[in-house]
Amino acid sequence: MSDSQIQHTLPGMPESLTPGPDARVFLPTLDWMKEGLRASFFLSPRVAGKSPAPWQIAVVSLLVFAIELAALRTEVSGAARFDLQAWLSGFWTLLVFIGLAWWVFPAARAPDEAFAQEKPAPLLAGVGACFVLWVTASLPNTLVYAAWTAATMQGWVTAKVFSSPWFYWSFYLVLTAWSVGVSAFLIVRYAGRTWRAALFVLALAATTGVTVWQFEARTWERDYSAEAATEAPKPKLRLSQQVFEEQQSLMQSAMAAIAPERPGVTDVYALVFAPYAPEDVFIRESSMVSSVLAGRFDAEGRVVHLLNHGTTSKTHLWATPLNLQRAVDALAQRMDRDNDVLVVYLTSHGARDFKLAASHWPLEVDPLSPIELRRALDQAGIRNRVIAVSACYSGGWIDVLAGDNSLVMTAADATHTSYGCGRLSELTFFGRALFDEQLRKIHSFEKAFAAAVPLIKQREIDAGKDDGFSNPQIKVGANIGPVLQALEQRLAALRPATPEPPAKPVSP
């Protein structure tokens, strides 16, 4: 039977599956890749009737994966760690493609038994050919995305428009539409315009959405441990009788130095607490927050900064739960507990049991719980409270600390980590967006929080945060709102309208 007769016996089969005069001609591996690249730009692949050998499918797939891995590596500057689990998490889409292709593509077989023995059945040929073309066609899309991400992440592109959320999502949607469009182009070519082909395209589009939603981990992540190994040794606390005596003297002088409240003025008092000594990000952040509260909120002389760090035992009281309770009591004695406002800022690592990590070896420091802070504030009788917790899982502090006279803000909800508290971070994402950027421009905690959240979300996306959006939380009591609005009006009249530029984070 001639090839033309075979074609005649297979009516309605898509052209790409129909055996042609050159059906038995071997197509080199590079030609398969070249035709796949043509398909990525919606040009018809010239492979009618041909099917790749199994080894060609393996070679093309491995080569494409290797190129993609190399391209994605450029997104991270410096030392990087390969996350095998994150890379393999995307492979389920390949299985979905193969399974749907087997279901959708025509299953007609050539009637000539001899021909069927020499050639794969049209179904098998179509699945193999379409898979190779589809994998290769994804390469330009991936390279464009990797190039743009690398350019923004590594600072090669500095224009603000390219780092804005609306540009990111517009660009991402264009690439997604390109990917789905190429898939649809190949599916229709091999399956024809059928309802099954339409379901195939919709299923692939759905897998794209599920992958973005559930598989957010990056293949390459910054390797902080490797970078930390090259750092100079950090100063550590040396316990001695002199150090203990200096802390006792410092406690007396720091508490005595708290400025008294001013009659008729709603003063801001503040307690900044940074109990985790091993990482410098917390001394930088707590120093920045103390400076912003003193300068922007008319709280000079009314800020108590408790800090654990190897370099600050002579200048700052240790950040321990007992010192926190003593500081709260001292602030309560100097302030108008019914009318003034106490701002409490806590920054450290957080745990799933909602306790704030504390470390200042060789000094033993207990972690701080939300119940301990609530108890200290209640016993001191301080009514108006603004509390911000910059830590992972800090949303667990909300219910404990909330009340009619309290505004509580957290860097994350109760089930997610926050970001930016790594060994090499300048500031946490929460502290940077809320205090170093927004509260330098405005005096409203609610407005600053609302403006900070989208900034945090975009930076987490750019940084490749792999466990989902931190989802910062805020809860505003019914009675604290009017107090803070009046405070905002007083500070707006007191401070210049021109916002202060963010200060360079304090280095130890």
Foldseek 3Di string as FASTA:
>chain_A
DDLVVLQVVDPPAFQQLRADPCLLPDDDLVLLLVLLQCLLVPHHRPRRNYAHDPVSLVVLLVVLVVVLVVLLVLLDPDAKDFDPVLVCVLCVLLVLLLVLLLVQFDQDAGPPPVVCVSDPGSSNRLSRSLSSSLSSSCRVLSNVVSVLLSCVNVVVDDDVVSLDPVNVVVVVVVSLCSSLVSNLSSLCSRRNPDPSSVVSSVVSSVSVVCCVVPSLFRRMAHDLVVVVVPDDDFAAADDDPVLVVLLVVCLVVLLVQQAAEDPPDQAEAEEEAEFAAPAQQSVLLSVLLQVLCVPLQVRVSRYAYADAYNPDSNPHHHRALVSVLVSLLSSLVRYDLVAYEYEYEYEAEADLVGWGDHDRPPDDGDTHHLLSVQVSNVVSNRQAYEYEYEYFLNLVNDVSNDDQRYKYKYQAHNPGTFAQRDRPGNYTLVSCQQRLPQSLQFQANVVSVVRSQVVRQSVCSSNSVGPDRRHMDIDHHNNNVVSSVVSRVVSPVVDDNDGDHGDRGDGD
